[in-house]
């Protein structure tokens, strides 16, 4: 990027995290570190810290739509990262808005349950997400439980994880990155699949919990797509970025979970 060229804009549609470990706050930190300008449309306000989520309040669809229209009419959006939507109404609204305005480089992180165990998407909305949002995704980034919910079947092995990625592509996503942290083993394996290629990522499992990894990875992928990278190159760059932020994670609150650090080389 030349000195006179402005960084591309990436829109995050997600919930707000008052502890700034995940959600919109993690997305904005990732966007800044990856060299893009972040825009936001907040779907929900959560009261949370490194220990727990104590309250979740969904914003009315009219407010969500107003945010979406406000940024679209003033900025050129080069990519969209979708996180917590919360309910079927927001899911339908976002899918309809994306189709209407034909926005490019959509990354869908199908947030269903927080790492604390709190449900962040109503069960009734999963079918809507599968039918209306998954086919819009240039990259879909589920973890194993999210992939299980979308496919309505268990995933117990890395071989089943690979098959699940390919089957999710069959639902319409152009590329699928399944995160394997929920499977057992001394190493964590992620798997990326498109109709043209497949790619494995293997990382050592750390002995500490970290908040915001899924949000950060999806946001880094969206940033890479906005910068003109192919899905494969954007995923590879995002995996490297997340590992750097993961290794630098710090305990900032009284909870045991650490918070990713985004001011690290990548």
Protein backbone atom coordinates (compact mmCIF):
# COMPACT_ATOMS: atom_id res chain seq x y z
CA UNK A 1 0.00 0.00 0.00
CA UNK A 2 1.39 3.41 -0.96
CA UNK A 3 1.60 6.24 1.54
CA UNK A 4 -1.20 8.10 -0.24
CA UNK A 5 -3.50 5.08 -0.47
CA UNK A 6 -6.02 4.80 2.34
CA UNK A 7 -6.49 1.39 3.97
CA UNK A 8 -9.62 -0.50 2.90
CA UNK A 9 -12.66 -0.56 5.17
CA UNK A 10 -13.90 -3.77 6.81
CA UNK A 11 -17.29 -3.92 8.51
CA UNK A 12 -17.83 -6.04 11.62
CA UNK A 13 -21.40 -7.05 12.44
CA UNK A 14 -21.20 -8.48 15.94
CA UNK A 15 -21.86 -8.02 19.64
CA UNK A 16 -20.05 -5.72 22.06
CA UNK A 17 -17.83 -7.18 24.81
CA UNK A 18 -17.40 -4.89 27.81
CA UNK A 19 -14.18 -6.74 28.72
CA UNK A 20 -12.72 -6.02 25.27
CA UNK A 21 -11.52 -9.60 24.82
CA UNK A 22 -13.91 -10.68 22.08
CA UNK A 23 -16.68 -9.32 19.85
CA UNK A 24 -16.57 -5.89 18.26
CA UNK A 25 -13.67 -4.80 20.44
CA UNK A 26 -11.45 -7.72 19.39
CA UNK A 27 -12.46 -7.16 15.76
CA UNK A 28 -11.42 -3.51 15.83
CA UNK A 29 -8.07 -4.31 17.43
CA UNK A 30 -7.45 -6.98 14.80
CA UNK A 31 -8.42 -4.69 11.94
CA UNK A 32 -6.04 -1.99 13.14
CA UNK A 33 -3.17 -4.44 13.56
CA UNK A 34 -3.81 -5.94 10.11
CA UNK A 35 -3.79 -2.58 8.33
CA UNK A 36 -7.46 -1.97 7.57
CA UNK A 37 -10.04 0.55 8.81
CA UNK A 38 -12.76 -0.98 10.98
CA UNK A 39 -16.47 -0.16 10.78
CA UNK A 40 -19.07 -1.61 13.13
CA UNK A 41 -22.73 -2.52 13.36
CA UNK A 42 -23.47 -3.74 16.89
CA UNK A 43 -26.06 -6.49 17.27
CA UNK A 44 -26.04 -6.82 21.05
CA UNK A 45 -24.57 -5.30 24.18
CA UNK A 46 -23.12 -7.77 26.65
CA UNK A 47 -21.98 -7.29 30.23
CA UNK A 48 -18.96 -9.56 30.58
CA UNK A 49 -15.44 -9.89 31.88
CA UNK A 50 -12.76 -12.58 31.83
CA UNK A 51 -14.86 -14.77 34.14
CA UNK A 52 -18.43 -14.64 32.90
CA UNK A 53 -21.20 -13.03 30.89
CA UNK A 54 -23.73 -11.54 33.30
CA UNK A 55 -26.20 -9.98 30.86
CA UNK A 56 -26.98 -9.85 27.14
CA UNK A 57 -29.32 -7.32 25.54
CA UNK A 58 -30.13 -7.64 21.85
CA UNK A 59 -30.51 -4.38 19.96
CA UNK A 60 -33.74 -3.86 17.99
CA UNK A 61 -33.50 -4.76 14.29
CA UNK A 62 -34.28 -1.16 13.35
CA UNK A 63 -31.16 0.06 15.18
CA UNK A 64 -29.03 -2.64 13.57
CA UNK A 65 -30.32 -1.70 10.12
CA UNK A 66 -29.69 1.99 10.80
CA UNK A 67 -26.06 1.23 11.64
CA UNK A 68 -25.63 -0.88 8.50
CA UNK A 69 -27.10 1.78 6.25
CA UNK A 70 -25.11 4.56 7.91
CA UNK A 71 -21.75 2.95 7.19
CA UNK A 72 -22.70 1.73 3.71
CA UNK A 73 -23.73 5.18 2.51
CA UNK A 74 -20.49 6.80 3.70
CA UNK A 75 -17.74 4.19 3.26
CA UNK A 76 -16.62 1.80 0.56
CA UNK A 77 -16.78 -1.57 2.29
CA UNK A 78 -14.13 -3.99 1.05
CA UNK A 79 -15.06 -6.92 3.32
CA UNK A 80 -17.57 -7.90 5.99
CA UNK A 81 -16.98 -10.01 9.11
CA UNK A 82 -20.10 -11.40 10.77
CA UNK A 83 -19.99 -12.60 14.37
CA UNK A 84 -22.70 -12.75 17.01
CA UNK A 85 -26.18 -12.18 15.57
CA UNK A 86 -28.21 -13.44 18.51
CA UNK A 87 -31.53 -14.34 16.94
CA UNK A 88 -33.33 -15.24 13.74
CA UNK A 89 -34.58 -11.71 13.10
CA UNK A 90 -31.07 -10.25 13.03
CA UNK A 91 -29.81 -13.15 10.93
CA UNK A 92 -32.51 -12.63 8.30
CA UNK A 93 -31.99 -8.88 8.32
CA UNK A 94 -28.23 -9.13 7.79
CA UNK A 95 -28.57 -11.74 5.03
CA UNK A 96 -31.18 -9.65 3.21
CA UNK A 97 -29.05 -6.49 3.54
CA UNK A 98 -25.92 -8.24 2.23
CA UNK A 99 -27.79 -9.64 -0.77
CA UNK A 100 -29.43 -6.30 -1.51
CA UNK A 101 -26.14 -4.39 -1.57
CA UNK A 102 -23.97 -7.19 -2.98
CA UNK A 103 -21.11 -6.61 -0.59
CA UNK A 104 -17.89 -8.52 -1.26
CA UNK A 105 -15.62 -10.76 0.82
CA UNK A 106 -18.06 -11.92 3.47
CA UNK A 107 -16.55 -13.88 6.38
CA UNK A 108 -19.10 -15.64 8.57
CA UNK A 109 -18.07 -16.70 12.08
CA UNK A 110 -21.20 -18.58 13.21
CA UNK A 111 -21.09 -17.62 16.89
CA UNK A 112 -23.44 -19.94 18.77
CA UNK A 113 -22.04 -20.26 22.30
CA UNK A 114 -19.47 -18.16 24.18
CA UNK A 115 -16.38 -19.80 25.66
CA UNK A 116 -18.03 -19.21 29.05
CA UNK A 117 -20.92 -21.46 27.99
CA UNK A 118 -23.52 -18.74 27.40
CA UNK A 119 -25.68 -19.29 24.31
CA UNK A 120 -25.26 -16.37 21.88
CA UNK A 121 -27.52 -17.52 19.04
CA UNK A 122 -31.01 -18.87 19.60
CA UNK A 123 -31.41 -22.49 18.49
CA UNK A 124 -34.28 -21.42 16.24
CA UNK A 125 -31.90 -19.19 14.30
CA UNK A 126 -29.42 -21.91 13.31
CA UNK A 127 -31.51 -23.09 10.36
CA UNK A 128 -31.84 -19.48 9.18
CA UNK A 129 -28.08 -18.99 9.40
CA UNK A 130 -27.48 -22.24 7.50
CA UNK A 131 -29.98 -21.37 4.76
CA UNK A 132 -29.46 -17.63 4.32
CA UNK A 133 -25.96 -16.67 5.50
CA UNK A 134 -23.73 -19.67 4.83
CA UNK A 135 -24.25 -19.44 1.03
CA UNK A 136 -23.06 -15.80 1.13
CA UNK A 137 -19.76 -16.65 2.83
CA UNK A 138 -16.51 -16.38 0.95
CA UNK A 139 -15.02 -17.93 4.09
CA UNK A 140 -16.96 -19.65 6.89
CA UNK A 141 -15.05 -20.08 10.18
CA UNK A 142 -16.87 -22.47 12.57
CA UNK A 143 -15.31 -24.29 15.47
CA UNK A 144 -16.19 -27.97 15.88
CA UNK A 145 -19.41 -27.48 17.97
CA UNK A 146 -20.60 -24.83 15.49
CA UNK A 147 -19.90 -27.13 12.55
CA UNK A 148 -21.79 -29.90 14.36
CA UNK A 149 -24.80 -27.61 14.81
CA UNK A 150 -24.78 -26.52 11.17
CA UNK A 151 -24.47 -30.10 9.88
CA UNK A 152 -26.61 -31.67 12.62
CA UNK A 153 -24.13 -34.47 13.30
CA UNK A 154 -21.23 -35.13 15.69
CA UNK A 155 -17.59 -34.53 14.77
CA UNK A 156 -15.20 -36.63 16.85
CA UNK A 157 -12.02 -36.99 14.78
CA UNK A 158 -9.81 -34.92 12.52
CA UNK A 159 -10.93 -37.01 9.57
CA UNK A 160 -14.56 -36.16 10.36
CA UNK A 161 -13.56 -32.52 10.69
CA UNK A 162 -12.13 -32.55 7.17
CA UNK A 163 -15.27 -34.15 5.79
CA UNK A 164 -17.39 -31.57 7.63
CA UNK A 165 -15.45 -28.72 6.01
CA UNK A 166 -16.12 -30.17 2.59
CA UNK A 167 -19.81 -30.70 3.38
CA UNK A 168 -20.15 -27.10 4.59
CA UNK A 169 -18.74 -25.99 1.25
CA UNK A 170 -21.58 -28.05 -0.21
CA UNK A 171 -24.05 -25.78 1.63
CA UNK A 172 -22.77 -22.85 -0.43
CA UNK A 173 -19.76 -21.40 1.40
CA UNK A 174 -16.86 -20.80 -0.99
CA UNK A 175 -14.31 -21.73 1.66
CA UNK A 176 -14.54 -23.27 5.13
CA UNK A 177 -11.99 -23.00 7.95
CA UNK A 178 -12.90 -25.40 10.76
CA UNK A 179 -11.09 -24.75 14.04
CA UNK A 180 -10.20 -27.93 15.86
CA UNK A 181 -9.46 -26.69 19.36
CA UNK A 182 -12.39 -28.61 20.84
CA UNK A 183 -10.96 -31.98 19.80
CA UNK A 184 -8.56 -33.80 22.11
CA UNK A 185 -4.82 -33.95 21.56
CA UNK A 186 -1.55 -32.24 22.36
CA UNK A 187 -1.82 -30.31 19.12
CA UNK A 188 -4.63 -28.19 17.71
CA UNK A 189 -5.43 -28.72 14.05
CA UNK A 190 -7.44 -26.37 11.87
CA UNK A 191 -8.59 -27.37 8.41
CA UNK A 192 -9.31 -25.13 5.41
CA UNK A 193 -11.25 -26.42 2.44
CA UNK A 194 -12.42 -25.00 -0.89
CA UNK A 195 -13.57 -26.68 -4.08
CA UNK A 196 -9.99 -26.31 -5.36
CA UNK A 197 -7.68 -27.06 -2.45
CA UNK A 198 -7.36 -28.18 1.16
CA UNK A 199 -4.94 -27.01 3.82
CA UNK A 200 -4.01 -28.19 7.33
CA UNK A 201 -2.70 -25.99 10.15
CA UNK A 202 -1.17 -27.58 13.25
CA UNK A 203 -0.28 -25.70 16.45
CA UNK A 204 0.89 -26.79 19.88
CA UNK A 205 -1.93 -26.69 22.44
CA UNK A 206 -1.28 -24.13 25.17
CA UNK A 207 -2.02 -24.81 28.82
CA UNK A 208 -4.11 -21.68 29.30
CA UNK A 209 -7.48 -20.44 28.10
CA UNK A 210 -7.71 -17.37 25.85
CA UNK A 211 -10.77 -15.28 25.01
CA UNK A 212 -11.57 -13.90 21.57
CA UNK A 213 -9.67 -16.35 19.37
CA UNK A 214 -12.55 -17.04 16.99
CA UNK A 215 -13.43 -13.37 16.56
CA UNK A 216 -9.80 -12.48 15.97
CA UNK A 217 -9.17 -15.22 13.42
CA UNK A 218 -12.27 -14.37 11.38
CA UNK A 219 -11.46 -10.65 11.48
CA UNK A 220 -7.91 -11.28 10.32
CA UNK A 221 -9.25 -13.35 7.42
CA UNK A 222 -11.62 -10.51 6.44
CA UNK A 223 -8.75 -8.02 6.62
CA UNK A 224 -6.66 -10.16 4.31
CA UNK A 225 -9.49 -10.45 1.79
CA UNK A 226 -10.00 -6.68 1.90
CA UNK A 227 -6.31 -6.21 1.13
CA UNK A 228 -6.67 -8.30 -2.01
CA UNK A 229 -5.40 -11.68 -0.80
CA UNK A 230 -6.93 -14.92 -2.02
CA UNK A 231 -8.96 -16.86 0.56
CA UNK A 232 -6.09 -19.33 0.99
CA UNK A 233 -3.51 -16.57 1.49
CA UNK A 234 -5.86 -14.63 3.81
CA UNK A 235 -6.39 -17.73 5.97
CA UNK A 236 -2.65 -18.49 6.12
CA UNK A 237 -1.91 -14.88 7.16
CA UNK A 238 -4.72 -14.94 9.74
CA UNK A 239 -3.46 -18.19 11.28
CA UNK A 240 0.01 -16.68 11.71
CA UNK A 241 -1.47 -13.51 13.19
CA UNK A 242 -3.59 -15.41 15.71
CA UNK A 243 -0.66 -17.51 16.88
CA UNK A 244 1.40 -14.39 17.56
CA UNK A 245 -1.46 -12.78 19.49
CA UNK A 246 -2.08 -16.06 21.33
CA UNK A 247 1.51 -16.45 22.47
CA UNK A 248 1.49 -12.86 23.75
CA UNK A 249 -1.88 -13.23 25.56
CA UNK A 250 -2.02 -11.73 29.05
CA UNK A 251 -4.15 -12.09 32.16
CA UNK A 252 -5.72 -8.64 32.56
CA UNK A 253 -8.67 -9.43 34.83
CA UNK A 254 -9.23 -11.66 37.86
CA UNK A 255 -10.43 -14.58 35.73
CA UNK A 256 -8.11 -17.33 34.52
CA UNK A 257 -8.74 -16.62 30.83
CA UNK A 258 -6.15 -14.49 29.06
CA UNK A 259 -6.77 -11.72 26.51
CA UNK A 260 -5.06 -11.72 23.13
CA UNK A 261 -2.44 -9.05 22.55
CA UNK A 262 -2.68 -7.45 19.11
CA UNK A 263 0.45 -5.26 19.07
CA UNK A 264 2.72 -8.13 18.01
CA UNK A 265 4.56 -8.70 14.71
CA UNK A 266 2.67 -10.82 12.18
